[in-house]
Amino acid sequence: MTYQQAIQQACESVGSQAGLAKAIEVAPAIVHQWRSGTRPVPVQHCLAIERATAGTVTRRDLRPDDWQKIWPELAEPTAQEVSHG
């Protein structure tokens, strides 16, 4: 899933583009820029979107190329980490 598809899904989850914008306290034009691919979703809005969609759209969906660098705690533990835990 691309981040544009994730934003589309988030809009549908909360009812509309304007609904998502209101839920995360940004201008609807900003959400439009994310949906169109003009701008990526900034890190500081990802958790709010995840919460607004009740986890339907995750931070991983919104930042598919770098989420593991931003939120390493979301990465699945490796088999070695599990066996030592």
PDB file of N, CA and C in Angstrom:
ATOM      1  N   MET A   1       0.847  -1.183   0.000  1.00  0.00           N
ATOM      2  CA  MET A   1       0.000   0.000   0.000  1.00  0.00           C
ATOM      3  C   MET A   1       0.889   1.242   0.000  1.00  0.00           C
ATOM      4  N   THR A   2       0.579   2.187  -0.864  1.00  0.00           N
ATOM      5  CA  THR A   2       1.313   3.449  -0.873  1.00  0.00           C
ATOM      6  C   THR A   2       0.748   4.360   0.210  1.00  0.00           C
ATOM      7  N   TYR A   3       1.487   5.392   0.552  1.00  0.00           N
ATOM      8  CA  TYR A   3       0.968   6.297   1.566  1.00  0.00           C
ATOM      9  C   TYR A   3      -0.254   7.042   1.048  1.00  0.00           C
ATOM     10  N   GLN A   4      -0.349   7.268  -0.269  1.00  0.00           N
ATOM     11  CA  GLN A   4      -1.540   7.908  -0.820  1.00  0.00           C
ATOM     12  C   GLN A   4      -2.766   7.011  -0.630  1.00  0.00           C
ATOM     13  N   GLN A   5      -2.607   5.713  -0.840  1.00  0.00           N
ATOM     14  CA  GLN A   5      -3.701   4.772  -0.616  1.00  0.00           C
ATOM     15  C   GLN A   5      -4.063   4.731   0.864  1.00  0.00           C
ATOM     16  N   ALA A   6      -3.057   4.820   1.716  1.00  0.00           N
ATOM     17  CA  ALA A   6      -3.311   4.817   3.161  1.00  0.00           C
ATOM     18  C   ALA A   6      -4.112   6.049   3.564  1.00  0.00           C
ATOM     19  N   ILE A   7      -3.782   7.199   3.009  1.00  0.00           N
ATOM     20  CA  ILE A   7      -4.537   8.416   3.323  1.00  0.00           C
ATOM     21  C   ILE A   7      -5.962   8.309   2.793  1.00  0.00           C
ATOM     22  N   GLN A   8      -6.123   7.750   1.606  1.00  0.00           N
ATOM     23  CA  GLN A   8      -7.471   7.544   1.059  1.00  0.00           C
ATOM     24  C   GLN A   8      -8.276   6.663   2.011  1.00  0.00           C
ATOM     25  N   GLN A   9      -7.669   5.600   2.489  1.00  0.00           N
ATOM     26  CA  GLN A   9      -8.333   4.691   3.421  1.00  0.00           C
ATOM     27  C   GLN A   9      -8.662   5.415   4.722  1.00  0.00           C
ATOM     28  N   ALA A  10      -7.758   6.265   5.191  1.00  0.00           N
ATOM     29  CA  ALA A  10      -8.001   7.021   6.425  1.00  0.00           C
ATOM     30  C   ALA A  10      -9.191   7.962   6.241  1.00  0.00           C
ATOM     31  N   CYS A  11      -9.258   8.617   5.092  1.00  0.00           N
ATOM     32  CA  CYS A  11     -10.388   9.516   4.813  1.00  0.00           C
ATOM     33  C   CYS A  11     -11.697   8.739   4.821  1.00  0.00           C
ATOM     34  N   GLU A  12     -11.693   7.591   4.193  1.00  0.00           N
ATOM     35  CA  GLU A  12     -12.890   6.760   4.169  1.00  0.00           C
ATOM     36  C   GLU A  12     -13.256   6.275   5.565  1.00  0.00           C
ATOM     37  N   SER A  13     -12.254   5.973   6.361  1.00  0.00           N
ATOM     38  CA  SER A  13     -12.475   5.472   7.720  1.00  0.00           C
ATOM     39  C   SER A  13     -13.184   6.493   8.605  1.00  0.00           C
ATOM     40  N   VAL A  14     -12.833   7.765   8.446  1.00  0.00           N
ATOM     41  CA  VAL A  14     -13.456   8.807   9.280  1.00  0.00           C
ATOM     42  C   VAL A  14     -14.588   9.529   8.560  1.00  0.00           C
ATOM     43  N   GLY A  15     -14.831   9.176   7.298  1.00  0.00           N
ATOM     44  CA  GLY A  15     -15.969   9.723   6.587  1.00  0.00           C
ATOM     45  C   GLY A  15     -15.660  10.626   5.416  1.00  0.00           C
ATOM     46  N   SER A  16     -14.558  11.351   5.477  1.00  0.00           N
ATOM     47  CA  SER A  16     -14.211  12.267   4.383  1.00  0.00           C
ATOM     48  C   SER A  16     -12.834  12.852   4.599  1.00  0.00           C
ATOM     49  N   GLN A  17     -12.348  13.513   3.567  1.00  0.00           N
ATOM     50  CA  GLN A  17     -11.079  14.231   3.667  1.00  0.00           C
ATOM     51  C   GLN A  17     -11.185  15.326   4.722  1.00  0.00           C
ATOM     52  N   ALA A  18     -12.285  16.056   4.710  1.00  0.00           N
ATOM     53  CA  ALA A  18     -12.490  17.119   5.702  1.00  0.00           C
ATOM     54  C   ALA A  18     -12.590  16.533   7.105  1.00  0.00           C
ATOM     55  N   GLY A  19     -13.199  15.367   7.210  1.00  0.00           N
ATOM     56  CA  GLY A  19     -13.318  14.708   8.510  1.00  0.00           C
ATOM     57  C   GLY A  19     -11.965  14.322   9.079  1.00  0.00           C
ATOM     58  N   LEU A  20     -11.099  13.816   8.220  1.00  0.00           N
ATOM     59  CA  LEU A  20      -9.751  13.467   8.673  1.00  0.00           C
ATOM     60  C   LEU A  20      -9.002  14.722   9.083  1.00  0.00           C
ATOM     61  N   ALA A  21      -9.110  15.751   8.267  1.00  0.00           N
ATOM     62  CA  ALA A  21      -8.423  17.008   8.587  1.00  0.00           C
ATOM     63  C   ALA A  21      -8.867  17.531   9.948  1.00  0.00           C
ATOM     64  N   LYS A  22     -10.156  17.505  10.183  1.00  0.00           N
ATOM     65  CA  LYS A  22     -10.682  17.987  11.464  1.00  0.00           C
ATOM     66  C   LYS A  22     -10.202  17.103  12.617  1.00  0.00           C
ATOM     67  N   ALA A  23     -10.215  15.798  12.407  1.00  0.00           N
ATOM     68  CA  ALA A  23      -9.822  14.860  13.465  1.00  0.00           C
ATOM     69  C   ALA A  23      -8.371  15.040  13.892  1.00  0.00           C
ATOM     70  N   ILE A  24      -7.513  15.425  12.951  1.00  0.00           N
ATOM     71  CA  ILE A  24      -6.086  15.564  13.291  1.00  0.00           C
ATOM     72  C   ILE A  24      -5.646  17.022  13.335  1.00  0.00           C
ATOM     73  N   GLU A  25      -6.618  17.921  13.200  1.00  0.00           N
ATOM     74  CA  GLU A  25      -6.385  19.358  13.346  1.00  0.00           C
ATOM     75  C   GLU A  25      -5.393  19.927  12.338  1.00  0.00           C
ATOM     76  N   VAL A  26      -5.656  19.631  11.057  1.00  0.00           N
ATOM     77  CA  VAL A  26      -4.905  20.247   9.957  1.00  0.00           C
ATOM     78  C   VAL A  26      -5.915  20.765   8.943  1.00  0.00           C
ATOM     79  N   ALA A  27      -5.451  21.584   8.027  1.00  0.00           N
ATOM     80  CA  ALA A  27      -6.317  22.111   6.974  1.00  0.00           C
ATOM     81  C   ALA A  27      -6.641  21.000   5.967  1.00  0.00           C
ATOM     82  N   PRO A  28      -7.860  20.981   5.450  1.00  0.00           N
ATOM     83  CA  PRO A  28      -8.206  19.981   4.434  1.00  0.00           C
ATOM     84  C   PRO A  28      -7.259  20.001   3.230  1.00  0.00           C
ATOM     85  N   ALA A  29      -6.726  21.153   2.899  1.00  0.00           N
ATOM     86  CA  ALA A  29      -5.783  21.242   1.778  1.00  0.00           C
ATOM     87  C   ALA A  29      -4.533  20.411   2.029  1.00  0.00           C
ATOM     88  N   ILE A  30      -4.120  20.318   3.265  1.00  0.00           N
ATOM     89  CA  ILE A  30      -2.948  19.495   3.608  1.00  0.00           C
ATOM     90  C   ILE A  30      -3.253  18.023   3.338  1.00  0.00           C
ATOM     91  N   VAL A  31      -4.420  17.565   3.769  1.00  0.00           N
ATOM     92  CA  VAL A  31      -4.809  16.170   3.523  1.00  0.00           C
ATOM     93  C   VAL A  31      -4.873  15.916   2.014  1.00  0.00           C
ATOM     94  N   HIS A  32      -5.386  16.873   1.276  1.00  0.00           N
ATOM     95  CA  HIS A  32      -5.439  16.742  -0.183  1.00  0.00           C
ATOM     96  C   HIS A  32      -4.034  16.572  -0.762  1.00  0.00           C
ATOM     97  N   GLN A  33      -3.079  17.328  -0.262  1.00  0.00           N
ATOM     98  CA  GLN A  33      -1.698  17.211  -0.746  1.00  0.00           C
ATOM     99  C   GLN A  33      -1.138  15.826  -0.458  1.00  0.00           C
ATOM    100  N   TRP A  34      -1.466  15.262   0.688  1.00  0.00           N
ATOM    101  CA  TRP A  34      -1.016  13.911   1.005  1.00  0.00           C
ATOM    102  C   TRP A  34      -1.657  12.903   0.061  1.00  0.00           C
ATOM    103  N   ARG A  35      -2.966  13.046  -0.159  1.00  0.00           N
ATOM    104  CA  ARG A  35      -3.690  12.105  -1.031  1.00  0.00           C
ATOM    105  C   ARG A  35      -3.173  12.155  -2.454  1.00  0.00           C
ATOM    106  N   SER A  36      -2.837  13.330  -2.931  1.00  0.00           N
ATOM    107  CA  SER A  36      -2.389  13.479  -4.312  1.00  0.00           C
ATOM    108  C   SER A  36      -0.920  13.104  -4.499  1.00  0.00           C
ATOM    109  N   GLY A  37      -0.205  12.943  -3.406  1.00  0.00           N
ATOM    110  CA  GLY A  37       1.215  12.608  -3.494  1.00  0.00           C
ATOM    111  C   GLY A  37       2.114  13.816  -3.619  1.00  0.00           C
ATOM    112  N   THR A  38       1.543  15.018  -3.493  1.00  0.00           N
ATOM    113  CA  THR A  38       2.338  16.236  -3.569  1.00  0.00           C
ATOM    114  C   THR A  38       3.313  16.310  -2.409  1.00  0.00           C
ATOM    115  N   ARG A  39       2.854  15.867  -1.250  1.00  0.00           N
ATOM    116  CA  ARG A  39       3.687  15.848  -0.037  1.00  0.00           C
ATOM    117  C   ARG A  39       3.493  14.529   0.690  1.00  0.00           C
ATOM    118  N   PRO A  40       4.554  14.000   1.269  1.00  0.00           N
ATOM    119  CA  PRO A  40       4.379  12.817   2.121  1.00  0.00           C
ATOM    120  C   PRO A  40       3.753  13.225   3.448  1.00  0.00           C
ATOM    121  N   VAL A  41       3.209  12.271   4.150  1.00  0.00           N
ATOM    122  CA  VAL A  41       2.632  12.541   5.457  1.00  0.00           C
ATOM    123  C   VAL A  41       3.778  12.789   6.437  1.00  0.00           C
ATOM    124  N   PRO A  42       3.812  13.954   7.094  1.00  0.00           N
ATOM    125  CA  PRO A  42       4.874  14.218   8.056  1.00  0.00           C
ATOM    126  C   PRO A  42       4.778  13.287   9.268  1.00  0.00           C
ATOM    127  N   VAL A  43       5.913  12.955   9.797  1.00  0.00           N
ATOM    128  CA  VAL A  43       6.000  12.056  10.936  1.00  0.00           C
ATOM    129  C   VAL A  43       5.094  12.510  12.078  1.00  0.00           C
ATOM    130  N   GLN A  44       5.047  13.806  12.342  1.00  0.00           N
ATOM    131  CA  GLN A  44       4.297  14.301  13.487  1.00  0.00           C
ATOM    132  C   GLN A  44       2.783  14.089  13.371  1.00  0.00           C
ATOM    133  N   HIS A  45       2.275  13.727  12.198  1.00  0.00           N
ATOM    134  CA  HIS A  45       0.833  13.498  12.037  1.00  0.00           C
ATOM    135  C   HIS A  45       0.465  12.020  11.978  1.00  0.00           C
ATOM    136  N   CYS A  46       1.425  11.156  11.867  1.00  0.00           N
ATOM    137  CA  CYS A  46       1.146   9.735  11.670  1.00  0.00           C
ATOM    138  C   CYS A  46       0.419   9.093  12.850  1.00  0.00           C
ATOM    139  N   LEU A  47       0.848   9.347  14.041  1.00  0.00           N
ATOM    140  CA  LEU A  47       0.194   8.744  15.202  1.00  0.00           C
ATOM    141  C   LEU A  47      -1.239   9.254  15.333  1.00  0.00           C
ATOM    142  N   ALA A  48      -1.461  10.532  15.068  1.00  0.00           N
ATOM    143  CA  ALA A  48      -2.817  11.092  15.143  1.00  0.00           C
ATOM    144  C   ALA A  48      -3.735  10.418  14.122  1.00  0.00           C
ATOM    145  N   ILE A  49      -3.222  10.149  12.941  1.00  0.00           N
ATOM    146  CA  ILE A  49      -4.025   9.471  11.924  1.00  0.00           C
ATOM    147  C   ILE A  49      -4.311   8.040  12.352  1.00  0.00           C
ATOM    148  N   GLU A  50      -3.307   7.373  12.895  1.00  0.00           N
ATOM    149  CA  GLU A  50      -3.509   6.005  13.386  1.00  0.00           C
ATOM    150  C   GLU A  50      -4.593   5.983  14.456  1.00  0.00           C
ATOM    151  N   ARG A  51      -4.563   6.936  15.352  1.00  0.00           N
ATOM    152  CA  ARG A  51      -5.576   7.009  16.418  1.00  0.00           C
ATOM    153  C   ARG A  51      -6.948   7.390  15.870  1.00  0.00           C
ATOM    154  N   ALA A  52      -6.989   8.353  14.954  1.00  0.00           N
ATOM    155  CA  ALA A  52      -8.275   8.806  14.387  1.00  0.00           C
ATOM    156  C   ALA A  52      -8.976   7.683  13.632  1.00  0.00           C
ATOM    157  N   THR A  53      -8.201   6.767  13.068  1.00  0.00           N
ATOM    158  CA  THR A  53      -8.778   5.654  12.307  1.00  0.00           C
ATOM    159  C   THR A  53      -8.885   4.390  13.158  1.00  0.00           C
ATOM    160  N   ALA A  54      -8.639   4.503  14.439  1.00  0.00           N
ATOM    161  CA  ALA A  54      -8.694   3.363  15.360  1.00  0.00           C
ATOM    162  C   ALA A  54      -7.802   2.216  14.880  1.00  0.00           C
ATOM    163  N   GLY A  55      -6.658   2.576  14.302  1.00  0.00           N
ATOM    164  CA  GLY A  55      -5.690   1.581  13.877  1.00  0.00           C
ATOM    165  C   GLY A  55      -5.947   0.978  12.510  1.00  0.00           C
ATOM    166  N   THR A  56      -7.000   1.421  11.819  1.00  0.00           N
ATOM    167  CA  THR A  56      -7.264   0.930  10.468  1.00  0.00           C
ATOM    168  C   THR A  56      -6.124   1.303   9.534  1.00  0.00           C
ATOM    169  N   VAL A  57      -5.594   2.502   9.733  1.00  0.00           N
ATOM    170  CA  VAL A  57      -4.422   2.971   8.998  1.00  0.00           C
ATOM    171  C   VAL A  57      -3.316   3.171  10.027  1.00  0.00           C
ATOM    172  N   THR A  58      -2.207   2.510   9.821  1.00  0.00           N
ATOM    173  CA  THR A  58      -1.129   2.550  10.801  1.00  0.00           C
ATOM    174  C   THR A  58       0.014   3.453  10.354  1.00  0.00           C
ATOM    175  N   ARG A  59       0.898   3.724  11.291  1.00  0.00           N
ATOM    176  CA  ARG A  59       2.108   4.489  10.972  1.00  0.00           C
ATOM    177  C   ARG A  59       2.928   3.775   9.911  1.00  0.00           C
ATOM    178  N   ARG A  60       2.926   2.469   9.940  1.00  0.00           N
ATOM    179  CA  ARG A  60       3.637   1.692   8.920  1.00  0.00           C
ATOM    180  C   ARG A  60       3.051   1.961   7.536  1.00  0.00           C
ATOM    181  N   ASP A  61       1.725   2.043   7.466  1.00  0.00           N
ATOM    182  CA  ASP A  61       1.065   2.319   6.184  1.00  0.00           C
ATOM    183  C   ASP A  61       1.417   3.712   5.673  1.00  0.00           C
ATOM    184  N   LEU A  62       1.503   4.658   6.585  1.00  0.00           N
ATOM    185  CA  LEU A  62       1.721   6.054   6.213  1.00  0.00           C
ATOM    186  C   LEU A  62       3.170   6.360   5.855  1.00  0.00           C
ATOM    187  N   ARG A  63       4.099   5.607   6.408  1.00  0.00           N
ATOM    188  CA  ARG A  63       5.532   5.823   6.149  1.00  0.00           C
ATOM    189  C   ARG A  63       6.169   4.484   5.773  1.00  0.00           C
ATOM    190  N   PRO A  64       5.759   3.881   4.656  1.00  0.00           N
ATOM    191  CA  PRO A  64       6.223   2.526   4.331  1.00  0.00           C
ATOM    192  C   PRO A  64       7.725   2.394   4.117  1.00  0.00           C
ATOM    193  N   ASP A  65       8.393   3.471   3.744  1.00  0.00           N
ATOM    194  CA  ASP A  65       9.818   3.380   3.445  1.00  0.00           C
ATOM    195  C   ASP A  65      10.733   3.630   4.634  1.00  0.00           C
ATOM    196  N   ASP A  66      10.213   4.266   5.687  1.00  0.00           N
ATOM    197  CA  ASP A  66      11.112   4.611   6.789  1.00  0.00           C
ATOM    198  C   ASP A  66      10.534   4.429   8.189  1.00  0.00           C
ATOM    199  N   TRP A  67       9.365   3.791   8.310  1.00  0.00           N
ATOM    200  CA  TRP A  67       8.747   3.669   9.629  1.00  0.00           C
ATOM    201  C   TRP A  67       9.658   2.970  10.630  1.00  0.00           C
ATOM    202  N   GLN A  68      10.419   1.971  10.181  1.00  0.00           N
ATOM    203  CA  GLN A  68      11.259   1.215  11.121  1.00  0.00           C
ATOM    204  C   GLN A  68      12.397   2.060  11.689  1.00  0.00           C
ATOM    205  N   LYS A  69      12.791   3.092  10.971  1.00  0.00           N
ATOM    206  CA  LYS A  69      13.818   4.007  11.487  1.00  0.00           C
ATOM    207  C   LYS A  69      13.216   5.008  12.463  1.00  0.00           C
ATOM    208  N   ILE A  70      11.970   5.393  12.212  1.00  0.00           N
ATOM    209  CA  ILE A  70      11.302   6.385  13.054  1.00  0.00           C
ATOM    210  C   ILE A  70      10.752   5.748  14.320  1.00  0.00           C
ATOM    211  N   TRP A  71      10.122   4.573  14.166  1.00  0.00           N
ATOM    212  CA  TRP A  71       9.490   3.871  15.289  1.00  0.00           C
ATOM    213  C   TRP A  71      10.036   2.451  15.383  1.00  0.00           C
ATOM    214  N   PRO A  72      11.294   2.279  15.770  1.00  0.00           N
ATOM    215  CA  PRO A  72      11.871   0.929  15.807  1.00  0.00           C
ATOM    216  C   PRO A  72      11.133  -0.003  16.763  1.00  0.00           C
ATOM    217  N   GLU A  73      10.432   0.562  17.728  1.00  0.00           N
ATOM    218  CA  GLU A  73       9.690  -0.271  18.678  1.00  0.00           C
ATOM    219  C   GLU A  73       8.528  -1.008  18.014  1.00  0.00           C
ATOM    220  N   LEU A  74       8.126  -0.594  16.806  1.00  0.00           N
ATOM    221  CA  LEU A  74       7.044  -1.270  16.094  1.00  0.00           C
ATOM    222  C   LEU A  74       7.523  -2.472  15.304  1.00  0.00           C
ATOM    223  N   ALA A  75       8.822  -2.593  15.141  1.00  0.00           N
ATOM    224  CA  ALA A  75       9.371  -3.704  14.365  1.00  0.00           C
ATOM    225  C   ALA A  75       9.134  -5.017  15.102  1.00  0.00           C
ATOM    226  N   GLU A  76       8.847  -6.035  14.334  1.00  0.00           N
ATOM    227  CA  GLU A  76       8.679  -7.365  14.915  1.00  0.00           C
ATOM    228  C   GLU A  76      10.027  -7.829  15.464  1.00  0.00           C
ATOM    229  N   PRO A  77      10.048  -8.410  16.654  1.00  0.00           N
ATOM    230  CA  PRO A  77      11.320  -8.924  17.150  1.00  0.00           C
ATOM    231  C   PRO A  77      11.785 -10.092  16.298  1.00  0.00           C
ATOM    232  N   THR A  78      13.079 -10.201  16.141  1.00  0.00           N
ATOM    233  CA  THR A  78      13.629 -11.323  15.383  1.00  0.00           C
ATOM    234  C   THR A  78      13.505 -12.591  16.212  1.00  0.00           C
ATOM    235  N   ALA A  79      13.650 -13.734  15.564  1.00  0.00           N
ATOM    236  CA  ALA A  79      13.555 -15.018  16.266  1.00  0.00           C
ATOM    237  C   ALA A  79      14.582 -15.086  17.391  1.00  0.00           C
ATOM    238  N   GLN A  80      15.774 -14.524  17.164  1.00  0.00           N
ATOM    239  CA  GLN A  80      16.813 -14.555  18.170  1.00  0.00           C
ATOM    240  C   GLN A  80      16.403 -13.712  19.392  1.00  0.00           C
ATOM    241  N   GLU A  81      15.794 -12.549  19.147  1.00  0.00           N
ATOM    242  CA  GLU A  81      15.341 -11.705  20.255  1.00  0.00           C
ATOM    243  C   GLU A  81      14.244 -12.389  21.056  1.00  0.00           C
ATOM    244  N   VAL A  82      13.353 -13.094  20.380  1.00  0.00           N
ATOM    245  CA  VAL A  82      12.266 -13.781  21.060  1.00  0.00           C
ATOM    246  C   VAL A  82      12.820 -14.888  21.935  1.00  0.00           C
ATOM    247  N   SER A  83      13.811 -15.657  21.441  1.00  0.00           N
ATOM    248  CA  SER A  83      14.348 -16.772  22.205  1.00  0.00           C
ATOM    249  C   SER A  83      15.151 -16.309  23.417  1.00  0.00           C
ATOM    250  N   HIS A  84      15.686 -15.082  23.370  1.00  0.00           N
ATOM    251  CA  HIS A  84      16.442 -14.564  24.505  1.00  0.00           C
ATOM    252  C   HIS A  84      15.578 -13.756  25.464  1.00  0.00           C
ATOM    253  N   GLY A  85      14.335 -13.497  25.088  1.00  0.00           N
ATOM    254  CA  GLY A  85      13.446 -12.661  25.886  1.00  0.00           C
ATOM    255  C   GLY A  85      12.859 -13.413  26.979  1.00  0.00           C
TER     256      GLY A  85
END
